[in-house]
Amino acid sequence: MEKLVKLEGKEIGFKCSAGTVRAYRMNYGRDLILDMASLEKELIEDKTLSKDSTQCAEEVAYTMAREYDSDLAPIGEWLDQFSPYFVYAAVPEIICMWADNLKTINSTKKNSEKLNEKPQQPYSS
């Protein structure tokens, strides 16, 4: 799933796929799925992000942006173009995209399960 988002006057492309999950794990040694759940929970419950979560959110945003555009500068240079509060605008967009992606996966899974069901045999005597 890809999404263009306007943040701080700049259009940023984000991409979320199985490749994004792998790239995040390879670059940061953490599980993107668990980190997204933690970010979402912290934002809902605390309405803010801790220092560790802020760094995590920056890394998630960068990974998804880099998956969209492989020519991005390294993370430090990429973040330099934004204000320190960029992450607070980016995270809700990323969480919405993540949720939409999960809905798509669940819908696809349900359809796949229906296709794989064995047809019922008519009753014969």
PDB file of N, CA and C in Angstrom:
ATOM      1  N   MET A   1       0.846  -1.166   0.000  1.00  0.00           N
ATOM      2  CA  MET A   1       0.000   0.000   0.000  1.00  0.00           C
ATOM      3  C   MET A   1       0.896   1.234   0.000  1.00  0.00           C
ATOM      4  N   GLU A   2       0.559   2.185  -0.815  1.00  0.00           N
ATOM      5  CA  GLU A   2       1.304   3.441  -0.889  1.00  0.00           C
ATOM      6  C   GLU A   2       0.374   4.613  -0.605  1.00  0.00           C
ATOM      7  N   LYS A   3       0.973   5.670  -0.043  1.00  0.00           N
ATOM      8  CA  LYS A   3       0.173   6.842   0.296  1.00  0.00           C
ATOM      9  C   LYS A   3       1.061   8.080   0.210  1.00  0.00           C
ATOM     10  N   LEU A   4       0.553   9.136  -0.421  1.00  0.00           N
ATOM     11  CA  LEU A   4       1.224  10.432  -0.423  1.00  0.00           C
ATOM     12  C   LEU A   4       0.590  11.292   0.660  1.00  0.00           C
ATOM     13  N   VAL A   5       1.427  11.880   1.494  1.00  0.00           N
ATOM     14  CA  VAL A   5       0.958  12.683   2.608  1.00  0.00           C
ATOM     15  C   VAL A   5       1.657  14.031   2.564  1.00  0.00           C
ATOM     16  N   LYS A   6       0.908  15.106   2.805  1.00  0.00           N
ATOM     17  CA  LYS A   6       1.511  16.435   2.859  1.00  0.00           C
ATOM     18  C   LYS A   6       1.783  16.779   4.320  1.00  0.00           C
ATOM     19  N   LEU A   7       3.066  16.894   4.659  1.00  0.00           N
ATOM     20  CA  LEU A   7       3.492  17.224   6.017  1.00  0.00           C
ATOM     21  C   LEU A   7       4.478  18.378   5.949  1.00  0.00           C
ATOM     22  N   GLU A   8       4.200  19.415   6.716  1.00  0.00           N
ATOM     23  CA  GLU A   8       5.062  20.598   6.760  1.00  0.00           C
ATOM     24  C   GLU A   8       5.347  21.146   5.355  1.00  0.00           C
ATOM     25  N   GLY A   9       4.318  21.143   4.523  1.00  0.00           N
ATOM     26  CA  GLY A   9       4.423  21.700   3.188  1.00  0.00           C
ATOM     27  C   GLY A   9       5.140  20.828   2.173  1.00  0.00           C
ATOM     28  N   LYS A  10       5.496  19.620   2.556  1.00  0.00           N
ATOM     29  CA  LYS A  10       6.194  18.704   1.648  1.00  0.00           C
ATOM     30  C   LYS A  10       5.348  17.460   1.434  1.00  0.00           C
ATOM     31  N   GLU A  11       5.334  16.985   0.188  1.00  0.00           N
ATOM     32  CA  GLU A  11       4.658  15.720  -0.093  1.00  0.00           C
ATOM     33  C   GLU A  11       5.632  14.587   0.165  1.00  0.00           C
ATOM     34  N   ILE A  12       5.210  13.668   1.020  1.00  0.00           N
ATOM     35  CA  ILE A  12       6.045  12.531   1.371  1.00  0.00           C
ATOM     36  C   ILE A  12       5.288  11.264   1.005  1.00  0.00           C
ATOM     37  N   GLY A  13       5.974  10.393   0.306  1.00  0.00           N
ATOM     38  CA  GLY A  13       5.388   9.106  -0.033  1.00  0.00           C
ATOM     39  C   GLY A  13       5.764   8.073   1.013  1.00  0.00           C
ATOM     40  N   PHE A  14       4.795   7.278   1.409  1.00  0.00           N
ATOM     41  CA  PHE A  14       5.036   6.176   2.332  1.00  0.00           C
ATOM     42  C   PHE A  14       4.567   4.894   1.659  1.00  0.00           C
ATOM     43  N   LYS A  15       5.302   3.825   1.898  1.00  0.00           N
ATOM     44  CA  LYS A  15       4.925   2.523   1.362  1.00  0.00           C
ATOM     45  C   LYS A  15       4.990   1.499   2.484  1.00  0.00           C
ATOM     46  N   CYS A  16       3.964   0.658   2.533  1.00  0.00           N
ATOM     47  CA  CYS A  16       3.883  -0.378   3.550  1.00  0.00           C
ATOM     48  C   CYS A  16       3.621  -1.716   2.858  1.00  0.00           C
ATOM     49  N   SER A  17       4.548  -2.644   3.048  1.00  0.00           N
ATOM     50  CA  SER A  17       4.416  -3.974   2.454  1.00  0.00           C
ATOM     51  C   SER A  17       5.223  -4.948   3.296  1.00  0.00           C
ATOM     52  N   ALA A  18       5.256  -6.196   2.882  1.00  0.00           N
ATOM     53  CA  ALA A  18       6.095  -7.176   3.575  1.00  0.00           C
ATOM     54  C   ALA A  18       7.557  -6.746   3.508  1.00  0.00           C
ATOM     55  N   GLY A  19       7.944  -6.113   2.405  1.00  0.00           N
ATOM     56  CA  GLY A  19       9.310  -5.612   2.271  1.00  0.00           C
ATOM     57  C   GLY A  19       9.635  -4.536   3.296  1.00  0.00           C
ATOM     58  N   THR A  20       8.643  -3.741   3.647  1.00  0.00           N
ATOM     59  CA  THR A  20       8.830  -2.689   4.654  1.00  0.00           C
ATOM     60  C   THR A  20       9.112  -3.311   6.014  1.00  0.00           C
ATOM     61  N   VAL A  21       8.375  -4.338   6.352  1.00  0.00           N
ATOM     62  CA  VAL A  21       8.570  -5.029   7.627  1.00  0.00           C
ATOM     63  C   VAL A  21       9.984  -5.609   7.681  1.00  0.00           C
ATOM     64  N   ARG A  22      10.410  -6.211   6.597  1.00  0.00           N
ATOM     65  CA  ARG A  22      11.755  -6.798   6.540  1.00  0.00           C
ATOM     66  C   ARG A  22      12.836  -5.726   6.608  1.00  0.00           C
ATOM     67  N   ALA A  23      12.667  -4.651   5.844  1.00  0.00           N
ATOM     68  CA  ALA A  23      13.665  -3.567   5.837  1.00  0.00           C
ATOM     69  C   ALA A  23      13.813  -2.968   7.229  1.00  0.00           C
ATOM     70  N   TYR A  24      12.708  -2.785   7.919  1.00  0.00           N
ATOM     71  CA  TYR A  24      12.736  -2.228   9.273  1.00  0.00           C
ATOM     72  C   TYR A  24      13.511  -3.158  10.213  1.00  0.00           C
ATOM     73  N   ARG A  25      13.215  -4.439  10.116  1.00  0.00           N
ATOM     74  CA  ARG A  25      13.900  -5.422  10.960  1.00  0.00           C
ATOM     75  C   ARG A  25      15.396  -5.466  10.644  1.00  0.00           C
ATOM     76  N   MET A  26      15.747  -5.416   9.376  1.00  0.00           N
ATOM     77  CA  MET A  26      17.156  -5.463   8.963  1.00  0.00           C
ATOM     78  C   MET A  26      17.908  -4.202   9.407  1.00  0.00           C
ATOM     79  N   ASN A  27      17.262  -3.046   9.330  1.00  0.00           N
ATOM     80  CA  ASN A  27      17.923  -1.781   9.667  1.00  0.00           C
ATOM     81  C   ASN A  27      17.990  -1.501  11.162  1.00  0.00           C
ATOM     82  N   TYR A  28      16.954  -1.888  11.891  1.00  0.00           N
ATOM     83  CA  TYR A  28      16.869  -1.491  13.292  1.00  0.00           C
ATOM     84  C   TYR A  28      16.818  -2.658  14.279  1.00  0.00           C
ATOM     85  N   GLY A  29      16.725  -3.881  13.761  1.00  0.00           N
ATOM     86  CA  GLY A  29      16.728  -5.048  14.628  1.00  0.00           C
ATOM     87  C   GLY A  29      15.491  -5.190  15.495  1.00  0.00           C
ATOM     88  N   ARG A  30      14.410  -4.550  15.072  1.00  0.00           N
ATOM     89  CA  ARG A  30      13.162  -4.619  15.830  1.00  0.00           C
ATOM     90  C   ARG A  30      12.028  -5.064  14.910  1.00  0.00           C
ATOM     91  N   ASP A  31      10.933  -5.459  15.519  1.00  0.00           N
ATOM     92  CA  ASP A  31       9.763  -5.935  14.793  1.00  0.00           C
ATOM     93  C   ASP A  31       8.812  -4.762  14.534  1.00  0.00           C
ATOM     94  N   LEU A  32       8.594  -4.445  13.284  1.00  0.00           N
ATOM     95  CA  LEU A  32       7.731  -3.324  12.912  1.00  0.00           C
ATOM     96  C   LEU A  32       6.306  -3.513  13.421  1.00  0.00           C
ATOM     97  N   ILE A  33       5.816  -4.731  13.373  1.00  0.00           N
ATOM     98  CA  ILE A  33       4.440  -4.989  13.798  1.00  0.00           C
ATOM     99  C   ILE A  33       4.275  -4.672  15.283  1.00  0.00           C
ATOM    100  N   LEU A  34       5.223  -5.128  16.097  1.00  0.00           N
ATOM    101  CA  LEU A  34       5.160  -4.838  17.531  1.00  0.00           C
ATOM    102  C   LEU A  34       5.356  -3.355  17.812  1.00  0.00           C
ATOM    103  N   ASP A  35       6.289  -2.723  17.094  1.00  0.00           N
ATOM    104  CA  ASP A  35       6.532  -1.297  17.309  1.00  0.00           C
ATOM    105  C   ASP A  35       5.327  -0.456  16.911  1.00  0.00           C
ATOM    106  N   MET A  36       4.641  -0.815  15.829  1.00  0.00           N
ATOM    107  CA  MET A  36       3.446  -0.070  15.429  1.00  0.00           C
ATOM    108  C   MET A  36       2.352  -0.211  16.488  1.00  0.00           C
ATOM    109  N   ALA A  37       2.193  -1.403  17.033  1.00  0.00           N
ATOM    110  CA  ALA A  37       1.185  -1.604  18.090  1.00  0.00           C
ATOM    111  C   ALA A  37       1.527  -0.758  19.314  1.00  0.00           C
ATOM    112  N   SER A  38       2.806  -0.695  19.671  1.00  0.00           N
ATOM    113  CA  SER A  38       3.232   0.111  20.819  1.00  0.00           C
ATOM    114  C   SER A  38       3.011   1.599  20.581  1.00  0.00           C
ATOM    115  N   LEU A  39       3.354   2.063  19.386  1.00  0.00           N
ATOM    116  CA  LEU A  39       3.160   3.486  19.065  1.00  0.00           C
ATOM    117  C   LEU A  39       1.684   3.858  19.136  1.00  0.00           C
ATOM    118  N   GLU A  40       0.855   3.030  18.541  1.00  0.00           N
ATOM    119  CA  GLU A  40      -0.579   3.309  18.535  1.00  0.00           C
ATOM    120  C   GLU A  40      -1.125   3.331  19.968  1.00  0.00           C
ATOM    121  N   LYS A  41      -0.739   2.344  20.764  1.00  0.00           N
ATOM    122  CA  LYS A  41      -1.208   2.270  22.149  1.00  0.00           C
ATOM    123  C   LYS A  41      -0.756   3.495  22.944  1.00  0.00           C
ATOM    124  N   GLU A  42       0.506   3.873  22.789  1.00  0.00           N
ATOM    125  CA  GLU A  42       1.030   5.012  23.538  1.00  0.00           C
ATOM    126  C   GLU A  42       0.339   6.311  23.140  1.00  0.00           C
ATOM    127  N   LEU A  43       0.104   6.493  21.849  1.00  0.00           N
ATOM    128  CA  LEU A  43      -0.584   7.711  21.417  1.00  0.00           C
ATOM    129  C   LEU A  43      -2.014   7.771  21.934  1.00  0.00           C
ATOM    130  N   ILE A  44      -2.694   6.643  21.930  1.00  0.00           N
ATOM    131  CA  ILE A  44      -4.083   6.614  22.400  1.00  0.00           C
ATOM    132  C   ILE A  44      -4.148   6.843  23.906  1.00  0.00           C
ATOM    133  N   GLU A  45      -3.299   6.142  24.656  1.00  0.00           N
ATOM    134  CA  GLU A  45      -3.365   6.210  26.117  1.00  0.00           C
ATOM    135  C   GLU A  45      -2.715   7.473  26.684  1.00  0.00           C
ATOM    136  N   ASP A  46      -1.543   7.843  26.169  1.00  0.00           N
ATOM    137  CA  ASP A  46      -0.785   8.953  26.756  1.00  0.00           C
ATOM    138  C   ASP A  46      -0.913  10.258  25.974  1.00  0.00           C
ATOM    139  N   LYS A  47      -1.404  10.182  24.752  1.00  0.00           N
ATOM    140  CA  LYS A  47      -1.540  11.354  23.872  1.00  0.00           C
ATOM    141  C   LYS A  47      -0.190  12.003  23.539  1.00  0.00           C
ATOM    142  N   THR A  48       0.892  11.291  23.781  1.00  0.00           N
ATOM    143  CA  THR A  48       2.234  11.780  23.463  1.00  0.00           C
ATOM    144  C   THR A  48       3.145  10.581  23.263  1.00  0.00           C
ATOM    145  N   LEU A  49       4.384  10.855  22.891  1.00  0.00           N
ATOM    146  CA  LEU A  49       5.355   9.785  22.689  1.00  0.00           C
ATOM    147  C   LEU A  49       6.549   9.990  23.617  1.00  0.00           C
ATOM    148  N   SER A  50       7.030   8.900  24.179  1.00  0.00           N
ATOM    149  CA  SER A  50       8.240   8.961  24.995  1.00  0.00           C
ATOM    150  C   SER A  50       9.450   9.175  24.072  1.00  0.00           C
ATOM    151  N   LYS A  51      10.598   9.421  24.664  1.00  0.00           N
ATOM    152  CA  LYS A  51      11.824   9.623  23.884  1.00  0.00           C
ATOM    153  C   LYS A  51      12.108   8.403  22.999  1.00  0.00           C
ATOM    154  N   ASP A  52      12.012   7.215  23.578  1.00  0.00           N
ATOM    155  CA  ASP A  52      12.265   5.993  22.802  1.00  0.00           C
ATOM    156  C   ASP A  52      11.235   5.822  21.690  1.00  0.00           C
ATOM    157  N   SER A  53       9.983   6.127  21.989  1.00  0.00           N
ATOM    158  CA  SER A  53       8.931   5.995  20.983  1.00  0.00           C
ATOM    159  C   SER A  53       9.078   7.027  19.876  1.00  0.00           C
ATOM    160  N   THR A  54       9.557   8.209  20.223  1.00  0.00           N
ATOM    161  CA  THR A  54       9.797   9.234  19.203  1.00  0.00           C
ATOM    162  C   THR A  54      10.845   8.750  18.221  1.00  0.00           C
ATOM    163  N   GLN A  55      11.923   8.186  18.732  1.00  0.00           N
ATOM    164  CA  GLN A  55      12.966   7.656  17.855  1.00  0.00           C
ATOM    165  C   GLN A  55      12.410   6.514  17.003  1.00  0.00           C
ATOM    166  N   CYS A  56      11.640   5.645  17.621  1.00  0.00           N
ATOM    167  CA  CYS A  56      11.015   4.540  16.901  1.00  0.00           C
ATOM    168  C   CYS A  56      10.114   5.071  15.775  1.00  0.00           C
ATOM    169  N   ALA A  57       9.316   6.086  16.084  1.00  0.00           N
ATOM    170  CA  ALA A  57       8.408   6.674  15.095  1.00  0.00           C
ATOM    171  C   ALA A  57       9.183   7.290  13.936  1.00  0.00           C
ATOM    172  N   GLU A  58      10.288   7.953  14.235  1.00  0.00           N
ATOM    173  CA  GLU A  58      11.129   8.514  13.176  1.00  0.00           C
ATOM    174  C   GLU A  58      11.661   7.401  12.275  1.00  0.00           C
ATOM    175  N   GLU A  59      12.068   6.310  12.888  1.00  0.00           N
ATOM    176  CA  GLU A  59      12.615   5.183  12.120  1.00  0.00           C
ATOM    177  C   GLU A  59      11.537   4.490  11.286  1.00  0.00           C
ATOM    178  N   VAL A  60      10.340   4.387  11.822  1.00  0.00           N
ATOM    179  CA  VAL A  60       9.231   3.816  11.060  1.00  0.00           C
ATOM    180  C   VAL A  60       8.915   4.712   9.868  1.00  0.00           C
ATOM    181  N   ALA A  61       8.782   6.026  10.125  1.00  0.00           N
ATOM    182  CA  ALA A  61       8.470   6.974   9.046  1.00  0.00           C
ATOM    183  C   ALA A  61       9.542   6.919   7.964  1.00  0.00           C
ATOM    184  N   TYR A  62      10.795   6.915   8.379  1.00  0.00           N
ATOM    185  CA  TYR A  62      11.891   6.875   7.406  1.00  0.00           C
ATOM    186  C   TYR A  62      11.867   5.579   6.605  1.00  0.00           C
ATOM    187  N   THR A  63      11.660   4.460   7.275  1.00  0.00           N
ATOM    188  CA  THR A  63      11.638   3.179   6.569  1.00  0.00           C
ATOM    189  C   THR A  63      10.529   3.148   5.529  1.00  0.00           C
ATOM    190  N   MET A  64       9.348   3.623   5.904  1.00  0.00           N
ATOM    191  CA  MET A  64       8.228   3.627   4.958  1.00  0.00           C
ATOM    192  C   MET A  64       8.463   4.617   3.819  1.00  0.00           C
ATOM    193  N   ALA A  65       9.092   5.750   4.122  1.00  0.00           N
ATOM    194  CA  ALA A  65       9.413   6.723   3.079  1.00  0.00           C
ATOM    195  C   ALA A  65      10.500   6.170   2.153  1.00  0.00           C
ATOM    196  N   ARG A  66      11.460   5.490   2.725  1.00  0.00           N
ATOM    197  CA  ARG A  66      12.559   4.913   1.931  1.00  0.00           C
ATOM    198  C   ARG A  66      12.050   3.768   1.052  1.00  0.00           C
ATOM    199  N   GLU A  67      11.072   3.029   1.542  1.00  0.00           N
ATOM    200  CA  GLU A  67      10.474   1.980   0.720  1.00  0.00           C
ATOM    201  C   GLU A  67       9.733   2.600  -0.474  1.00  0.00           C
ATOM    202  N   TYR A  68       9.183   3.773  -0.276  1.00  0.00           N
ATOM    203  CA  TYR A  68       8.495   4.493  -1.360  1.00  0.00           C
ATOM    204  C   TYR A  68       9.503   5.075  -2.340  1.00  0.00           C
ATOM    205  N   ASP A  69      10.587   5.654  -1.809  1.00  0.00           N
ATOM    206  CA  ASP A  69      11.606   6.318  -2.631  1.00  0.00           C
ATOM    207  C   ASP A  69      12.986   5.854  -2.180  1.00  0.00           C
ATOM    208  N   SER A  70      13.556   4.930  -2.913  1.00  0.00           N
ATOM    209  CA  SER A  70      14.835   4.335  -2.510  1.00  0.00           C
ATOM    210  C   SER A  70      16.010   5.312  -2.616  1.00  0.00           C
ATOM    211  N   ASP A  71      15.797   6.479  -3.198  1.00  0.00           N
ATOM    212  CA  ASP A  71      16.871   7.473  -3.334  1.00  0.00           C
ATOM    213  C   ASP A  71      16.925   8.467  -2.174  1.00  0.00           C
ATOM    214  N   LEU A  72      16.194   8.212  -1.102  1.00  0.00           N
ATOM    215  CA  LEU A  72      16.209   9.142   0.036  1.00  0.00           C
ATOM    216  C   LEU A  72      17.599   9.234   0.650  1.00  0.00           C
ATOM    217  N   ALA A  73      17.873  10.408   1.186  1.00  0.00           N
ATOM    218  CA  ALA A  73      19.127  10.629   1.921  1.00  0.00           C
ATOM    219  C   ALA A  73      19.107   9.767   3.182  1.00  0.00           C
ATOM    220  N   PRO A  74      20.257   9.583   3.834  1.00  0.00           N
ATOM    221  CA  PRO A  74      20.268   8.867   5.120  1.00  0.00           C
ATOM    222  C   PRO A  74      19.319   9.533   6.119  1.00  0.00           C
ATOM    223  N   ILE A  75      18.893   8.764   7.112  1.00  0.00           N
ATOM    224  CA  ILE A  75      17.833   9.208   8.026  1.00  0.00           C
ATOM    225  C   ILE A  75      18.115  10.565   8.666  1.00  0.00           C
ATOM    226  N   GLY A  76      19.335  10.817   9.100  1.00  0.00           N
ATOM    227  CA  GLY A  76      19.652  12.104   9.735  1.00  0.00           C
ATOM    228  C   GLY A  76      19.439  13.271   8.797  1.00  0.00           C
ATOM    229  N   GLU A  77      19.914  13.122   7.569  1.00  0.00           N
ATOM    230  CA  GLU A  77      19.731  14.179   6.562  1.00  0.00           C
ATOM    231  C   GLU A  77      18.259  14.329   6.202  1.00  0.00           C
ATOM    232  N   TRP A  78      17.562  13.213   6.090  1.00  0.00           N
ATOM    233  CA  TRP A  78      16.142  13.252   5.740  1.00  0.00           C
ATOM    234  C   TRP A  78      15.352  13.990   6.815  1.00  0.00           C
ATOM    235  N   LEU A  79      15.636  13.687   8.086  1.00  0.00           N
ATOM    236  CA  LEU A  79      14.919  14.337   9.177  1.00  0.00           C
ATOM    237  C   LEU A  79      15.253  15.820   9.296  1.00  0.00           C
ATOM    238  N   ASP A  80      16.444  16.229   8.851  1.00  0.00           N
ATOM    239  CA  ASP A  80      16.850  17.638   8.938  1.00  0.00           C
ATOM    240  C   ASP A  80      15.923  18.581   8.183  1.00  0.00           C
ATOM    241  N   GLN A  81      15.183  18.064   7.220  1.00  0.00           N
ATOM    242  CA  GLN A  81      14.289  18.937   6.449  1.00  0.00           C
ATOM    243  C   GLN A  81      12.982  19.250   7.186  1.00  0.00           C
ATOM    244  N   PHE A  82      12.775  18.612   8.343  1.00  0.00           N
ATOM    245  CA  PHE A  82      11.543  18.784   9.094  1.00  0.00           C
ATOM    246  C   PHE A  82      11.795  19.437  10.443  1.00  0.00           C
ATOM    247  N   SER A  83      10.719  19.923  11.043  1.00  0.00           N
ATOM    248  CA  SER A  83      10.806  20.458  12.402  1.00  0.00           C
ATOM    249  C   SER A  83      10.882  19.295  13.390  1.00  0.00           C
ATOM    250  N   PRO A  84      11.253  19.580  14.623  1.00  0.00           N
ATOM    251  CA  PRO A  84      11.297  18.505  15.629  1.00  0.00           C
ATOM    252  C   PRO A  84       9.930  17.868  15.896  1.00  0.00           C
ATOM    253  N   TYR A  85       8.862  18.536  15.501  1.00  0.00           N
ATOM    254  CA  TYR A  85       7.518  18.032  15.761  1.00  0.00           C
ATOM    255  C   TYR A  85       6.937  17.257  14.587  1.00  0.00           C
ATOM    256  N   PHE A  86       7.723  17.094  13.555  1.00  0.00           N
ATOM    257  CA  PHE A  86       7.297  16.372  12.355  1.00  0.00           C
ATOM    258  C   PHE A  86       6.686  15.010  12.700  1.00  0.00           C
ATOM    259  N   VAL A  87       7.337  14.307  13.599  1.00  0.00           N
ATOM    260  CA  VAL A  87       6.918  12.946  13.923  1.00  0.00           C
ATOM    261  C   VAL A  87       5.493  12.907  14.471  1.00  0.00           C
ATOM    262  N   TYR A  88       5.074  13.964  15.172  1.00  0.00           N
ATOM    263  CA  TYR A  88       3.719  13.980  15.731  1.00  0.00           C
ATOM    264  C   TYR A  88       2.654  14.125  14.639  1.00  0.00           C
ATOM    265  N   ALA A  89       3.022  14.690  13.521  1.00  0.00           N
ATOM    266  CA  ALA A  89       2.104  14.773  12.380  1.00  0.00           C
ATOM    267  C   ALA A  89       2.184  13.511  11.527  1.00  0.00           C
ATOM    268  N   ALA A  90       3.363  12.920  11.458  1.00  0.00           N
ATOM    269  CA  ALA A  90       3.564  11.746  10.607  1.00  0.00           C
ATOM    270  C   ALA A  90       2.941  10.485  11.193  1.00  0.00           C
ATOM    271  N   VAL A  91       3.079  10.302  12.507  1.00  0.00           N
ATOM    272  CA  VAL A  91       2.639   9.045  13.125  1.00  0.00           C
ATOM    273  C   VAL A  91       1.148   8.762  12.918  1.00  0.00           C
ATOM    274  N   PRO A  92       0.245   9.716  13.129  1.00  0.00           N
ATOM    275  CA  PRO A  92      -1.172   9.395  12.877  1.00  0.00           C
ATOM    276  C   PRO A  92      -1.426   8.966  11.429  1.00  0.00           C
ATOM    277  N   GLU A  93      -0.744   9.602  10.480  1.00  0.00           N
ATOM    278  CA  GLU A  93      -0.893   9.219   9.069  1.00  0.00           C
ATOM    279  C   GLU A  93      -0.398   7.791   8.846  1.00  0.00           C
ATOM    280  N   ILE A  94       0.741   7.479   9.445  1.00  0.00           N
ATOM    281  CA  ILE A  94       1.322   6.144   9.287  1.00  0.00           C
ATOM    282  C   ILE A  94       0.441   5.094   9.956  1.00  0.00           C
ATOM    283  N   ILE A  95      -0.097   5.412  11.129  1.00  0.00           N
ATOM    284  CA  ILE A  95      -0.971   4.468  11.826  1.00  0.00           C
ATOM    285  C   ILE A  95      -2.240   4.210  11.010  1.00  0.00           C
ATOM    286  N   CYS A  96      -2.807   5.250  10.421  1.00  0.00           N
ATOM    287  CA  CYS A  96      -3.995   5.070   9.565  1.00  0.00           C
ATOM    288  C   CYS A  96      -3.667   4.196   8.359  1.00  0.00           C
ATOM    289  N   MET A  97      -2.522   4.446   7.748  1.00  0.00           N
ATOM    290  CA  MET A  97      -2.097   3.643   6.601  1.00  0.00           C
ATOM    291  C   MET A  97      -1.886   2.195   7.027  1.00  0.00           C
ATOM    292  N   TRP A  98      -1.245   2.008   8.172  1.00  0.00           N
ATOM    293  CA  TRP A  98      -1.008   0.668   8.710  1.00  0.00           C
ATOM    294  C   TRP A  98      -2.334  -0.056   8.940  1.00  0.00           C
ATOM    295  N   ALA A  99      -3.304   0.631   9.542  1.00  0.00           N
ATOM    296  CA  ALA A  99      -4.616   0.034   9.810  1.00  0.00           C
ATOM    297  C   ALA A  99      -5.324  -0.330   8.505  1.00  0.00           C
ATOM    298  N   ASP A 100      -5.254   0.556   7.510  1.00  0.00           N
ATOM    299  CA  ASP A 100      -5.856   0.258   6.210  1.00  0.00           C
ATOM    300  C   ASP A 100      -5.200  -0.962   5.574  1.00  0.00           C
ATOM    301  N   ASN A 101      -3.889  -1.062   5.726  1.00  0.00           N
ATOM    302  CA  ASN A 101      -3.158  -2.200   5.189  1.00  0.00           C
ATOM    303  C   ASN A 101      -3.610  -3.488   5.867  1.00  0.00           C
ATOM    304  N   LEU A 102      -3.801  -3.442   7.184  1.00  0.00           N
ATOM    305  CA  LEU A 102      -4.261  -4.629   7.912  1.00  0.00           C
ATOM    306  C   LEU A 102      -5.668  -5.022   7.485  1.00  0.00           C
ATOM    307  N   LYS A 103      -6.530  -4.031   7.231  1.00  0.00           N
ATOM    308  CA  LYS A 103      -7.889  -4.326   6.756  1.00  0.00           C
ATOM    309  C   LYS A 103      -7.826  -5.048   5.417  1.00  0.00           C
ATOM    310  N   THR A 104      -6.939  -4.583   4.543  1.00  0.00           N
ATOM    311  CA  THR A 104      -6.774  -5.204   3.223  1.00  0.00           C
ATOM    312  C   THR A 104      -6.294  -6.639   3.372  1.00  0.00           C
ATOM    313  N   ILE A 105      -5.328  -6.844   4.269  1.00  0.00           N
ATOM    314  CA  ILE A 105      -4.801  -8.191   4.497  1.00  0.00           C
ATOM    315  C   ILE A 105      -5.898  -9.105   5.026  1.00  0.00           C
ATOM    316  N   ASN A 106      -6.676  -8.629   6.005  1.00  0.00           N
ATOM    317  CA  ASN A 106      -7.748  -9.444   6.576  1.00  0.00           C
ATOM    318  C   ASN A 106      -8.810  -9.771   5.545  1.00  0.00           C
ATOM    319  N   SER A 107      -9.152  -8.799   4.698  1.00  0.00           N
ATOM    320  CA  SER A 107     -10.144  -9.019   3.651  1.00  0.00           C
ATOM    321  C   SER A 107      -9.628 -10.054   2.648  1.00  0.00           C
ATOM    322  N   THR A 108      -8.370  -9.932   2.265  1.00  0.00           N
ATOM    323  CA  THR A 108      -7.768 -10.875   1.329  1.00  0.00           C
ATOM    324  C   THR A 108      -7.722 -12.270   1.927  1.00  0.00           C
ATOM    325  N   LYS A 109      -7.390 -12.351   3.211  1.00  0.00           N
ATOM    326  CA  LYS A 109      -7.317 -13.642   3.900  1.00  0.00           C
ATOM    327  C   LYS A 109      -8.688 -14.301   3.927  1.00  0.00           C
ATOM    328  N   LYS A 110      -9.729 -13.529   4.243  1.00  0.00           N
ATOM    329  CA  LYS A 110     -11.084 -14.087   4.283  1.00  0.00           C
ATOM    330  C   LYS A 110     -11.493 -14.602   2.907  1.00  0.00           C
ATOM    331  N   ASN A 111     -11.203 -13.827   1.862  1.00  0.00           N
ATOM    332  CA  ASN A 111     -11.544 -14.249   0.505  1.00  0.00           C
ATOM    333  C   ASN A 111     -10.780 -15.503   0.119  1.00  0.00           C
ATOM    334  N   SER A 112      -9.523 -15.576   0.511  1.00  0.00           N
ATOM    335  CA  SER A 112      -8.704 -16.746   0.221  1.00  0.00           C
ATOM    336  C   SER A 112      -9.256 -17.980   0.926  1.00  0.00           C
ATOM    337  N   GLU A 113      -9.672 -17.815   2.169  1.00  0.00           N
ATOM    338  CA  GLU A 113     -10.235 -18.937   2.918  1.00  0.00           C
ATOM    339  C   GLU A 113     -11.509 -19.445   2.242  1.00  0.00           C
ATOM    340  N   LYS A 114     -12.318 -18.525   1.739  1.00  0.00           N
ATOM    341  CA  LYS A 114     -13.547 -18.928   1.055  1.00  0.00           C
ATOM    342  C   LYS A 114     -13.222 -19.721  -0.209  1.00  0.00           C
ATOM    343  N   LEU A 115     -12.198 -19.277  -0.948  1.00  0.00           N
ATOM    344  CA  LEU A 115     -11.824 -19.974  -2.173  1.00  0.00           C
ATOM    345  C   LEU A 115     -11.255 -21.361  -1.887  1.00  0.00           C
ATOM    346  N   ASN A 116     -10.614 -21.510  -0.737  1.00  0.00           N
ATOM    347  CA  ASN A 116      -9.986 -22.787  -0.397  1.00  0.00           C
ATOM    348  C   ASN A 116     -10.933 -23.773   0.279  1.00  0.00           C
ATOM    349  N   GLU A 117     -12.146 -23.321   0.594  1.00  0.00           N
ATOM    350  CA  GLU A 117     -13.113 -24.233   1.205  1.00  0.00           C
ATOM    351  C   GLU A 117     -13.503 -25.308   0.196  1.00  0.00           C
ATOM    352  N   LYS A 118     -13.654 -26.514   0.711  1.00  0.00           N
ATOM    353  CA  LYS A 118     -14.102 -27.597  -0.161  1.00  0.00           C
ATOM    354  C   LYS A 118     -15.589 -27.430  -0.414  1.00  0.00           C
ATOM    355  N   PRO A 119     -15.993 -27.591  -1.658  1.00  0.00           N
ATOM    356  CA  PRO A 119     -17.432 -27.504  -1.927  1.00  0.00           C
ATOM    357  C   PRO A 119     -18.152 -28.675  -1.252  1.00  0.00           C
ATOM    358  N   GLN A 120     -19.315 -28.393  -0.748  1.00  0.00           N
ATOM    359  CA  GLN A 120     -20.091 -29.438  -0.111  1.00  0.00           C
ATOM    360  C   GLN A 120     -20.638 -30.385  -1.187  1.00  0.00           C
ATOM    361  N   GLN A 121     -20.527 -31.653  -0.890  1.00  0.00           N
ATOM    362  CA  GLN A 121     -21.031 -32.648  -1.811  1.00  0.00           C
ATOM    363  C   GLN A 121     -22.546 -32.769  -1.629  1.00  0.00           C
ATOM    364  N   PRO A 122     -23.244 -32.847  -2.730  1.00  0.00           N
ATOM    365  CA  PRO A 122     -24.694 -33.034  -2.583  1.00  0.00           C
ATOM    366  C   PRO A 122     -24.978 -34.376  -1.893  1.00  0.00           C
ATOM    367  N   TYR A 123     -26.053 -34.397  -1.153  1.00  0.00           N
ATOM    368  CA  TYR A 123     -26.439 -35.621  -0.450  1.00  0.00           C
ATOM    369  C   TYR A 123     -26.918 -36.636  -1.453  1.00  0.00           C
ATOM    370  N   SER A 124     -26.345 -37.812  -1.366  1.00  0.00           N
ATOM    371  CA  SER A 124     -26.826 -38.892  -2.258  1.00  0.00           C
ATOM    372  C   SER A 124     -27.191 -40.103  -1.411  1.00  0.00           C
ATOM    373  N   SER A 125     -28.169 -40.833  -1.901  1.00  0.00           N
ATOM    374  CA  SER A 125     -28.595 -42.011  -1.147  1.00  0.00           C
ATOM    375  C   SER A 125     -28.223 -43.292  -1.803  1.00  0.00           C
TER     376      SER A 125
END
